[in-house]
Amino acid sequence: MSVDIVDRVERRAPAVSFGVTTLAALVALGVLALTVRGNFVPGVAALGALLVSVAAWRGDVRWITYGCLILALALVVAATRSPSPPVAAMVGIAVALCLAWDVGRYGAALGEQVGTGSATERAELTHAGFSAAVGGGIAGVGYGLFRSFGGLSTVGTLGLLIGAALLVGTLRLRQ
């Protein structure tokens, strides 16, 4: 007769992180679908958003990342296929993607460490709020640089790249 004294921890993300991750992925999908019409990009983005949502529910960091990569590829294809892409919308989509990825990973790690029955709402909301504030602030600075240097010029595009590098660097420091 053996007694199993180790309880299994459910491998799901907490509800708040799942909700924020899914909402951010759906915002990215919605803005992309409204911006780009008549080709395969919204369908690919919908696949990525569905993958992010299911992976966030299951607490699977790897598949959250894969879903965000699919959404990011749809964003890149949409931006390169458009003769004059709406840069503000594209920056907003990028921020929503980063938010989905960051909060999804945080929720999955939190769910794995403490389980889904724990009261983690404050920690999740604080993390999501600061992630959104940092992402929005950096995107605002990058877009401001883009607009101040004349838009789709070399220097303006460099401003967007600086903003993207700051956003990725900030997310890496927080991990």
N, C-alpha and C. Protein backbone atom coordinates (compact mmCIF):
# COMPACT_ATOMS: atom_id res chain seq x y z
N MET A 1 0.84 -1.16 0.00
CA MET A 1 0.00 0.00 0.00
C MET A 1 0.90 1.24 0.00
N SER A 2 0.75 2.06 -1.00
CA SER A 2 1.56 3.27 -1.07
C SER A 2 0.65 4.49 -0.99
N VAL A 3 1.16 5.49 -0.37
CA VAL A 3 0.40 6.73 -0.21
C VAL A 3 1.12 7.83 -0.99
N ASP A 4 0.40 8.46 -1.87
CA ASP A 4 0.97 9.54 -2.66
C ASP A 4 0.76 10.85 -1.91
N ILE A 5 1.83 11.40 -1.36
CA ILE A 5 1.70 12.61 -0.56
C ILE A 5 1.93 13.89 -1.36
N VAL A 6 2.30 13.76 -2.59
CA VAL A 6 2.54 14.94 -3.43
C VAL A 6 1.28 15.23 -4.23
N ASP A 7 0.72 16.40 -4.00
CA ASP A 7 -0.45 16.81 -4.77
C ASP A 7 -0.01 17.30 -6.13
N ARG A 8 -0.82 17.04 -7.09
CA ARG A 8 -0.53 17.54 -8.42
C ARG A 8 -1.03 18.96 -8.55
N VAL A 9 -0.20 19.81 -9.10
CA VAL A 9 -0.58 21.20 -9.34
C VAL A 9 -1.18 21.27 -10.73
N GLU A 10 -2.35 21.87 -10.83
CA GLU A 10 -2.98 22.01 -12.14
C GLU A 10 -2.11 22.88 -13.03
N ARG A 11 -1.99 22.48 -14.26
CA ARG A 11 -1.16 23.23 -15.20
C ARG A 11 -2.06 24.08 -16.09
N ARG A 12 -2.56 25.14 -15.50
CA ARG A 12 -3.36 26.12 -16.22
C ARG A 12 -2.96 27.50 -15.74
N ALA A 13 -3.13 28.47 -16.61
CA ALA A 13 -2.83 29.83 -16.20
C ALA A 13 -3.96 30.35 -15.31
N PRO A 14 -3.65 31.23 -14.38
CA PRO A 14 -4.71 31.86 -13.59
C PRO A 14 -5.66 32.65 -14.50
N ALA A 15 -6.87 32.85 -14.02
CA ALA A 15 -7.94 33.42 -14.85
C ALA A 15 -7.63 34.82 -15.37
N VAL A 16 -7.06 35.68 -14.53
CA VAL A 16 -6.80 37.05 -14.96
C VAL A 16 -5.76 37.08 -16.09
N SER A 17 -4.70 36.32 -15.93
CA SER A 17 -3.67 36.27 -16.98
C SER A 17 -4.23 35.69 -18.27
N PHE A 18 -5.05 34.65 -18.14
CA PHE A 18 -5.68 34.08 -19.33
C PHE A 18 -6.55 35.11 -20.03
N GLY A 19 -7.35 35.85 -19.25
CA GLY A 19 -8.23 36.86 -19.84
C GLY A 19 -7.47 37.99 -20.51
N VAL A 20 -6.43 38.50 -19.85
CA VAL A 20 -5.65 39.59 -20.43
C VAL A 20 -4.91 39.12 -21.68
N THR A 21 -4.35 37.93 -21.62
CA THR A 21 -3.62 37.38 -22.78
C THR A 21 -4.56 37.20 -23.96
N THR A 22 -5.71 36.61 -23.72
CA THR A 22 -6.68 36.40 -24.80
C THR A 22 -7.18 37.73 -25.35
N LEU A 23 -7.48 38.67 -24.47
CA LEU A 23 -7.95 39.98 -24.91
C LEU A 23 -6.90 40.69 -25.76
N ALA A 24 -5.64 40.65 -25.34
CA ALA A 24 -4.57 41.30 -26.11
C ALA A 24 -4.41 40.64 -27.48
N ALA A 25 -4.49 39.31 -27.53
CA ALA A 25 -4.38 38.61 -28.82
C ALA A 25 -5.57 38.95 -29.72
N LEU A 26 -6.76 39.06 -29.14
CA LEU A 26 -7.94 39.41 -29.94
C LEU A 26 -7.89 40.86 -30.42
N VAL A 27 -7.35 41.76 -29.61
CA VAL A 27 -7.18 43.15 -30.05
C VAL A 27 -6.21 43.20 -31.23
N ALA A 28 -5.10 42.48 -31.11
CA ALA A 28 -4.14 42.43 -32.23
C ALA A 28 -4.81 41.88 -33.48
N LEU A 29 -5.58 40.81 -33.33
CA LEU A 29 -6.29 40.21 -34.47
C LEU A 29 -7.31 41.19 -35.05
N GLY A 30 -8.09 41.83 -34.19
CA GLY A 30 -9.13 42.74 -34.66
C GLY A 30 -8.57 43.93 -35.41
N VAL A 31 -7.54 44.55 -34.87
CA VAL A 31 -6.94 45.71 -35.54
C VAL A 31 -6.31 45.27 -36.86
N LEU A 32 -5.67 44.11 -36.86
CA LEU A 32 -5.05 43.61 -38.09
C LEU A 32 -6.11 43.30 -39.14
N ALA A 33 -7.23 42.69 -38.71
CA ALA A 33 -8.30 42.37 -39.65
C ALA A 33 -8.96 43.63 -40.21
N LEU A 34 -9.07 44.67 -39.39
CA LEU A 34 -9.65 45.92 -39.88
C LEU A 34 -8.70 46.69 -40.79
N THR A 35 -7.40 46.49 -40.57
CA THR A 35 -6.40 47.22 -41.34
C THR A 35 -6.14 46.58 -42.69
N VAL A 36 -6.12 45.26 -42.72
CA VAL A 36 -5.79 44.52 -43.94
C VAL A 36 -7.01 43.72 -44.37
N ARG A 37 -7.45 43.92 -45.57
CA ARG A 37 -8.63 43.20 -46.05
C ARG A 37 -8.32 42.49 -47.36
N GLY A 38 -9.01 41.39 -47.56
CA GLY A 38 -8.99 40.75 -48.86
C GLY A 38 -7.83 39.80 -49.13
N ASN A 39 -7.09 39.40 -48.14
CA ASN A 39 -6.07 38.39 -48.39
C ASN A 39 -6.02 37.41 -47.22
N PHE A 40 -5.02 36.59 -47.19
CA PHE A 40 -4.94 35.50 -46.22
C PHE A 40 -4.44 35.92 -44.84
N VAL A 41 -3.97 37.15 -44.68
CA VAL A 41 -3.35 37.59 -43.42
C VAL A 41 -4.31 37.50 -42.23
N PRO A 42 -5.56 37.96 -42.32
CA PRO A 42 -6.44 37.83 -41.16
C PRO A 42 -6.69 36.38 -40.74
N GLY A 43 -6.72 35.47 -41.70
CA GLY A 43 -6.90 34.05 -41.37
C GLY A 43 -5.71 33.49 -40.61
N VAL A 44 -4.52 33.85 -41.05
CA VAL A 44 -3.32 33.41 -40.35
C VAL A 44 -3.26 34.03 -38.95
N ALA A 45 -3.63 35.31 -38.86
CA ALA A 45 -3.65 35.98 -37.56
C ALA A 45 -4.68 35.33 -36.63
N ALA A 46 -5.83 34.92 -37.17
CA ALA A 46 -6.85 34.25 -36.36
C ALA A 46 -6.32 32.92 -35.82
N LEU A 47 -5.56 32.21 -36.62
CA LEU A 47 -4.94 30.97 -36.15
C LEU A 47 -3.97 31.25 -35.00
N GLY A 48 -3.17 32.31 -35.14
CA GLY A 48 -2.24 32.68 -34.08
C GLY A 48 -2.95 33.09 -32.81
N ALA A 49 -4.03 33.87 -32.93
CA ALA A 49 -4.79 34.30 -31.76
C ALA A 49 -5.44 33.12 -31.06
N LEU A 50 -5.98 32.19 -31.83
CA LEU A 50 -6.57 30.98 -31.24
C LEU A 50 -5.52 30.16 -30.51
N LEU A 51 -4.36 30.04 -31.11
CA LEU A 51 -3.27 29.29 -30.49
C LEU A 51 -2.82 29.95 -29.19
N VAL A 52 -2.71 31.28 -29.18
CA VAL A 52 -2.33 32.00 -27.97
C VAL A 52 -3.36 31.76 -26.87
N SER A 53 -4.63 31.85 -27.23
CA SER A 53 -5.70 31.70 -26.24
C SER A 53 -5.73 30.30 -25.64
N VAL A 54 -5.66 29.29 -26.48
CA VAL A 54 -5.68 27.90 -25.98
C VAL A 54 -4.43 27.61 -25.15
N ALA A 55 -3.29 28.09 -25.61
CA ALA A 55 -2.05 27.86 -24.86
C ALA A 55 -2.06 28.60 -23.53
N ALA A 56 -2.66 29.78 -23.50
CA ALA A 56 -2.76 30.52 -22.23
C ALA A 56 -3.68 29.78 -21.26
N TRP A 57 -4.75 29.21 -21.76
CA TRP A 57 -5.65 28.44 -20.91
C TRP A 57 -4.95 27.22 -20.31
N ARG A 58 -4.12 26.58 -21.13
CA ARG A 58 -3.41 25.39 -20.67
C ARG A 58 -2.15 25.72 -19.89
N GLY A 59 -1.69 26.97 -19.98
CA GLY A 59 -0.47 27.37 -19.27
C GLY A 59 0.79 26.89 -19.96
N ASP A 60 0.77 26.82 -21.27
CA ASP A 60 1.91 26.31 -22.03
C ASP A 60 2.69 27.47 -22.65
N VAL A 61 3.84 27.78 -22.05
CA VAL A 61 4.64 28.93 -22.47
C VAL A 61 5.12 28.80 -23.91
N ARG A 62 5.55 27.62 -24.27
CA ARG A 62 6.09 27.41 -25.61
C ARG A 62 5.05 27.71 -26.69
N TRP A 63 3.81 27.25 -26.50
CA TRP A 63 2.79 27.47 -27.51
C TRP A 63 2.25 28.89 -27.48
N ILE A 64 2.33 29.56 -26.33
CA ILE A 64 2.00 30.99 -26.29
C ILE A 64 2.99 31.74 -27.19
N THR A 65 4.25 31.39 -27.08
CA THR A 65 5.28 32.01 -27.91
C THR A 65 5.05 31.72 -29.38
N TYR A 66 4.72 30.47 -29.72
CA TYR A 66 4.46 30.12 -31.12
C TYR A 66 3.26 30.90 -31.67
N GLY A 67 2.20 31.02 -30.89
CA GLY A 67 1.03 31.78 -31.34
C GLY A 67 1.36 33.24 -31.57
N CYS A 68 2.14 33.83 -30.66
CA CYS A 68 2.55 35.23 -30.84
C CYS A 68 3.46 35.38 -32.05
N LEU A 69 4.30 34.40 -32.31
CA LEU A 69 5.14 34.45 -33.52
C LEU A 69 4.30 34.41 -34.79
N ILE A 70 3.25 33.59 -34.80
CA ILE A 70 2.37 33.55 -35.96
C ILE A 70 1.68 34.90 -36.15
N LEU A 71 1.22 35.49 -35.06
CA LEU A 71 0.62 36.83 -35.15
C LEU A 71 1.64 37.87 -35.62
N ALA A 72 2.87 37.78 -35.14
CA ALA A 72 3.91 38.72 -35.55
C ALA A 72 4.23 38.56 -37.04
N LEU A 73 4.28 37.32 -37.51
CA LEU A 73 4.52 37.11 -38.94
C LEU A 73 3.38 37.67 -39.78
N ALA A 74 2.15 37.52 -39.31
CA ALA A 74 1.01 38.12 -40.01
C ALA A 74 1.14 39.64 -40.05
N LEU A 75 1.62 40.22 -38.95
CA LEU A 75 1.83 41.67 -38.89
C LEU A 75 2.90 42.10 -39.90
N VAL A 76 3.99 41.38 -39.97
CA VAL A 76 5.06 41.73 -40.90
C VAL A 76 4.59 41.59 -42.34
N VAL A 77 3.87 40.53 -42.65
CA VAL A 77 3.36 40.35 -44.01
C VAL A 77 2.38 41.46 -44.36
N ALA A 78 1.50 41.81 -43.41
CA ALA A 78 0.54 42.89 -43.66
C ALA A 78 1.24 44.21 -43.89
N ALA A 79 2.28 44.48 -43.11
CA ALA A 79 3.00 45.76 -43.25
C ALA A 79 3.78 45.83 -44.55
N THR A 80 4.34 44.71 -44.98
CA THR A 80 5.15 44.74 -46.20
C THR A 80 4.32 44.67 -47.47
N ARG A 81 3.12 44.12 -47.41
CA ARG A 81 2.28 44.01 -48.60
C ARG A 81 1.47 45.26 -48.86
N SER A 82 1.37 46.12 -47.87
CA SER A 82 0.58 47.33 -48.03
C SER A 82 1.45 48.44 -48.61
N PRO A 83 0.95 49.18 -49.61
CA PRO A 83 1.75 50.27 -50.18
C PRO A 83 2.02 51.39 -49.17
N SER A 84 1.07 51.67 -48.32
CA SER A 84 1.28 52.66 -47.26
C SER A 84 0.62 52.15 -45.99
N PRO A 85 1.37 51.37 -45.21
CA PRO A 85 0.78 50.76 -44.01
C PRO A 85 0.44 51.81 -42.96
N PRO A 86 -0.67 51.61 -42.25
CA PRO A 86 -1.00 52.52 -41.15
C PRO A 86 -0.07 52.24 -39.96
N VAL A 87 0.93 53.05 -39.84
CA VAL A 87 2.01 52.78 -38.88
C VAL A 87 1.49 52.78 -37.44
N ALA A 88 0.60 53.68 -37.10
CA ALA A 88 0.08 53.73 -35.73
C ALA A 88 -0.64 52.43 -35.39
N ALA A 89 -1.42 51.89 -36.32
CA ALA A 89 -2.11 50.62 -36.08
C ALA A 89 -1.11 49.48 -35.95
N MET A 90 -0.07 49.49 -36.77
CA MET A 90 0.93 48.44 -36.71
C MET A 90 1.69 48.47 -35.38
N VAL A 91 1.99 49.67 -34.89
CA VAL A 91 2.65 49.80 -33.59
C VAL A 91 1.73 49.31 -32.48
N GLY A 92 0.45 49.65 -32.57
CA GLY A 92 -0.52 49.17 -31.58
C GLY A 92 -0.63 47.66 -31.57
N ILE A 93 -0.62 47.06 -32.74
CA ILE A 93 -0.66 45.59 -32.84
C ILE A 93 0.58 45.00 -32.19
N ALA A 94 1.73 45.60 -32.44
CA ALA A 94 2.97 45.09 -31.85
C ALA A 94 2.93 45.17 -30.32
N VAL A 95 2.37 46.25 -29.77
CA VAL A 95 2.25 46.38 -28.32
C VAL A 95 1.30 45.32 -27.77
N ALA A 96 0.18 45.10 -28.46
CA ALA A 96 -0.77 44.07 -28.01
C ALA A 96 -0.13 42.68 -28.04
N LEU A 97 0.68 42.43 -29.06
CA LEU A 97 1.39 41.13 -29.14
C LEU A 97 2.37 40.97 -27.98
N CYS A 98 3.14 42.01 -27.72
CA CYS A 98 4.10 41.94 -26.60
C CYS A 98 3.38 41.75 -25.27
N LEU A 99 2.23 42.42 -25.11
CA LEU A 99 1.46 42.27 -23.89
C LEU A 99 0.93 40.85 -23.76
N ALA A 100 0.39 40.29 -24.84
CA ALA A 100 -0.11 38.91 -24.80
C ALA A 100 1.00 37.94 -24.45
N TRP A 101 2.16 38.13 -25.06
CA TRP A 101 3.28 37.22 -24.82
C TRP A 101 3.78 37.33 -23.37
N ASP A 102 3.97 38.55 -22.89
CA ASP A 102 4.51 38.76 -21.55
C ASP A 102 3.54 38.29 -20.47
N VAL A 103 2.28 38.70 -20.56
CA VAL A 103 1.31 38.32 -19.53
C VAL A 103 1.00 36.83 -19.61
N GLY A 104 0.97 36.28 -20.81
CA GLY A 104 0.74 34.84 -20.95
C GLY A 104 1.84 34.02 -20.32
N ARG A 105 3.08 34.41 -20.55
CA ARG A 105 4.21 33.70 -19.94
C ARG A 105 4.20 33.85 -18.42
N TYR A 106 3.88 35.03 -17.94
CA TYR A 106 3.83 35.27 -16.50
C TYR A 106 2.73 34.42 -15.86
N GLY A 107 1.57 34.41 -16.48
CA GLY A 107 0.46 33.62 -15.94
C GLY A 107 0.75 32.13 -15.93
N ALA A 108 1.40 31.65 -17.00
CA ALA A 108 1.74 30.23 -17.05
C ALA A 108 2.74 29.88 -15.95
N ALA A 109 3.74 30.73 -15.75
CA ALA A 109 4.73 30.48 -14.70
C ALA A 109 4.08 30.55 -13.31
N LEU A 110 3.18 31.51 -13.13
CA LEU A 110 2.50 31.66 -11.84
C LEU A 110 1.60 30.45 -11.57
N GLY A 111 0.88 30.01 -12.58
CA GLY A 111 0.01 28.85 -12.43
C GLY A 111 0.79 27.59 -12.12
N GLU A 112 1.97 27.48 -12.72
CA GLU A 112 2.80 26.31 -12.47
C GLU A 112 3.39 26.32 -11.06
N GLN A 113 3.72 27.50 -10.56
CA GLN A 113 4.36 27.59 -9.25
C GLN A 113 3.37 27.49 -8.09
N VAL A 114 2.24 28.17 -8.19
CA VAL A 114 1.32 28.19 -7.05
C VAL A 114 0.00 27.50 -7.31
N GLY A 115 -0.27 27.08 -8.53
CA GLY A 115 -1.53 26.44 -8.85
C GLY A 115 -2.61 27.44 -9.17
N THR A 116 -3.73 26.95 -9.64
CA THR A 116 -4.80 27.85 -10.07
C THR A 116 -5.76 28.20 -8.96
N GLY A 117 -5.69 27.51 -7.85
CA GLY A 117 -6.59 27.80 -6.75
C GLY A 117 -6.15 28.94 -5.85
N SER A 118 -4.96 29.43 -6.04
CA SER A 118 -4.42 30.50 -5.18
C SER A 118 -4.97 31.86 -5.59
N ALA A 119 -5.00 32.77 -4.64
CA ALA A 119 -5.46 34.13 -4.90
C ALA A 119 -4.30 34.96 -5.45
N THR A 120 -4.24 35.06 -6.77
CA THR A 120 -3.13 35.75 -7.42
C THR A 120 -3.60 36.95 -8.25
N GLU A 121 -4.84 37.35 -8.07
CA GLU A 121 -5.40 38.40 -8.93
C GLU A 121 -4.61 39.70 -8.85
N ARG A 122 -4.23 40.10 -7.64
CA ARG A 122 -3.48 41.37 -7.50
C ARG A 122 -2.16 41.32 -8.24
N ALA A 123 -1.43 40.24 -8.07
CA ALA A 123 -0.14 40.11 -8.75
C ALA A 123 -0.32 40.11 -10.26
N GLU A 124 -1.33 39.41 -10.73
CA GLU A 124 -1.58 39.36 -12.17
C GLU A 124 -1.97 40.72 -12.74
N LEU A 125 -2.87 41.41 -12.04
CA LEU A 125 -3.31 42.72 -12.52
C LEU A 125 -2.17 43.74 -12.47
N THR A 126 -1.35 43.68 -11.42
CA THR A 126 -0.21 44.58 -11.33
C THR A 126 0.76 44.33 -12.47
N HIS A 127 1.06 43.08 -12.72
CA HIS A 127 1.99 42.74 -13.80
C HIS A 127 1.42 43.19 -15.16
N ALA A 128 0.15 42.90 -15.39
CA ALA A 128 -0.46 43.27 -16.67
C ALA A 128 -0.50 44.79 -16.83
N GLY A 129 -0.82 45.51 -15.76
CA GLY A 129 -0.87 46.97 -15.83
C GLY A 129 0.48 47.58 -16.13
N PHE A 130 1.51 47.11 -15.44
CA PHE A 130 2.84 47.65 -15.71
C PHE A 130 3.34 47.24 -17.09
N SER A 131 3.03 46.05 -17.53
CA SER A 131 3.42 45.63 -18.88
C SER A 131 2.77 46.52 -19.93
N ALA A 132 1.49 46.81 -19.74
CA ALA A 132 0.79 47.67 -20.70
C ALA A 132 1.34 49.09 -20.66
N ALA A 133 1.64 49.59 -19.46
CA ALA A 133 2.18 50.95 -19.34
C ALA A 133 3.56 51.06 -19.98
N VAL A 134 4.42 50.10 -19.71
CA VAL A 134 5.77 50.13 -20.29
C VAL A 134 5.69 49.98 -21.81
N GLY A 135 4.90 49.03 -22.28
CA GLY A 135 4.77 48.83 -23.73
C GLY A 135 4.18 50.04 -24.42
N GLY A 136 3.12 50.61 -23.84
CA GLY A 136 2.51 51.79 -24.44
C GLY A 136 3.44 53.00 -24.42
N GLY A 137 4.18 53.17 -23.33
CA GLY A 137 5.12 54.29 -23.24
C GLY A 137 6.24 54.19 -24.25
N ILE A 138 6.81 53.01 -24.35
CA ILE A 138 7.91 52.83 -25.30
C ILE A 138 7.40 52.95 -26.74
N ALA A 139 6.22 52.39 -27.01
CA ALA A 139 5.65 52.52 -28.36
C ALA A 139 5.36 53.97 -28.68
N GLY A 140 4.89 54.74 -27.69
CA GLY A 140 4.63 56.16 -27.90
C GLY A 140 5.90 56.92 -28.24
N VAL A 141 6.98 56.61 -27.53
CA VAL A 141 8.26 57.26 -27.82
C VAL A 141 8.75 56.88 -29.22
N GLY A 142 8.67 55.60 -29.55
CA GLY A 142 9.11 55.15 -30.88
C GLY A 142 8.28 55.78 -31.99
N TYR A 143 6.96 55.83 -31.80
CA TYR A 143 6.09 56.42 -32.81
C TYR A 143 6.31 57.93 -32.90
N GLY A 144 6.55 58.55 -31.75
CA GLY A 144 6.86 59.98 -31.75
C GLY A 144 8.13 60.28 -32.52
N LEU A 145 9.16 59.47 -32.32
CA LEU A 145 10.40 59.63 -33.10
C LEU A 145 10.13 59.43 -34.59
N PHE A 146 9.32 58.43 -34.91
CA PHE A 146 8.98 58.15 -36.30
C PHE A 146 8.31 59.36 -36.95
N ARG A 147 7.32 59.93 -36.26
CA ARG A 147 6.60 61.06 -36.82
C ARG A 147 7.45 62.33 -36.86
N SER A 148 8.30 62.51 -35.86
CA SER A 148 9.09 63.74 -35.82
C SER A 148 10.18 63.77 -36.89
N PHE A 149 10.59 62.61 -37.36
CA PHE A 149 11.63 62.57 -38.39
C PHE A 149 11.06 62.34 -39.78
N GLY A 150 9.80 62.61 -39.98
CA GLY A 150 9.26 62.62 -41.33
C GLY A 150 8.59 61.35 -41.78
N GLY A 151 8.20 60.49 -40.90
CA GLY A 151 7.44 59.31 -41.32
C GLY A 151 8.30 58.22 -41.94
N LEU A 152 7.87 57.76 -43.12
CA LEU A 152 8.51 56.61 -43.75
C LEU A 152 9.84 56.93 -44.41
N SER A 153 10.66 57.71 -43.73
CA SER A 153 12.02 57.96 -44.21
C SER A 153 12.96 57.00 -43.48
N THR A 154 14.20 57.04 -43.84
CA THR A 154 15.18 56.17 -43.18
C THR A 154 15.31 56.51 -41.70
N VAL A 155 15.37 57.79 -41.37
CA VAL A 155 15.52 58.19 -39.98
C VAL A 155 14.25 57.88 -39.19
N GLY A 156 13.08 58.07 -39.80
CA GLY A 156 11.82 57.76 -39.13
C GLY A 156 11.69 56.28 -38.83
N THR A 157 12.08 55.46 -39.79
CA THR A 157 12.06 54.01 -39.58
C THR A 157 13.06 53.62 -38.50
N LEU A 158 14.18 54.31 -38.44
CA LEU A 158 15.16 54.06 -37.39
C LEU A 158 14.56 54.37 -36.02
N GLY A 159 13.72 55.40 -35.92
CA GLY A 159 13.02 55.70 -34.67
C GLY A 159 12.13 54.57 -34.22
N LEU A 160 11.40 53.96 -35.17
CA LEU A 160 10.57 52.80 -34.83
C LEU A 160 11.43 51.62 -34.39
N LEU A 161 12.54 51.41 -35.05
CA LEU A 161 13.43 50.30 -34.66
C LEU A 161 14.02 50.52 -33.26
N ILE A 162 14.34 51.77 -32.94
CA ILE A 162 14.84 52.07 -31.59
C ILE A 162 13.75 51.76 -30.56
N GLY A 163 12.52 52.14 -30.85
CA GLY A 163 11.42 51.83 -29.95
C GLY A 163 11.22 50.34 -29.78
N ALA A 164 11.31 49.58 -30.89
CA ALA A 164 11.17 48.13 -30.81
C ALA A 164 12.29 47.51 -29.99
N ALA A 165 13.50 48.00 -30.19
CA ALA A 165 14.64 47.47 -29.42
C ALA A 165 14.48 47.77 -27.93
N LEU A 166 14.00 48.96 -27.60
CA LEU A 166 13.75 49.29 -26.19
C LEU A 166 12.68 48.39 -25.59
N LEU A 167 11.63 48.12 -26.34
CA LEU A 167 10.55 47.27 -25.84
C LEU A 167 11.05 45.85 -25.60
N VAL A 168 11.76 45.30 -26.55
CA VAL A 168 12.29 43.94 -26.39
C VAL A 168 13.30 43.89 -25.25
N GLY A 169 14.16 44.90 -25.18
CA GLY A 169 15.14 44.93 -24.09
C GLY A 169 14.48 45.04 -22.72
N THR A 170 13.42 45.82 -22.62
CA THR A 170 12.71 45.95 -21.35
C THR A 170 12.06 44.64 -20.95
N LEU A 171 11.45 43.96 -21.92
CA LEU A 171 10.83 42.67 -21.61
C LEU A 171 11.88 41.64 -21.19
N ARG A 172 13.04 41.68 -21.80
CA ARG A 172 14.11 40.74 -21.46
C ARG A 172 14.63 41.01 -20.06
N LEU A 173 14.75 42.27 -19.68
CA LEU A 173 15.24 42.61 -18.33
C LEU A 173 14.29 42.14 -17.25
N ARG A 174 12.99 42.16 -17.56
CA ARG A 174 12.00 41.76 -16.55
C ARG A 174 11.95 40.26 -16.36
N GLN A 175 12.45 39.50 -17.31
CA GLN A 175 12.41 38.05 -17.17
C GLN A 175 13.49 37.63 -16.27
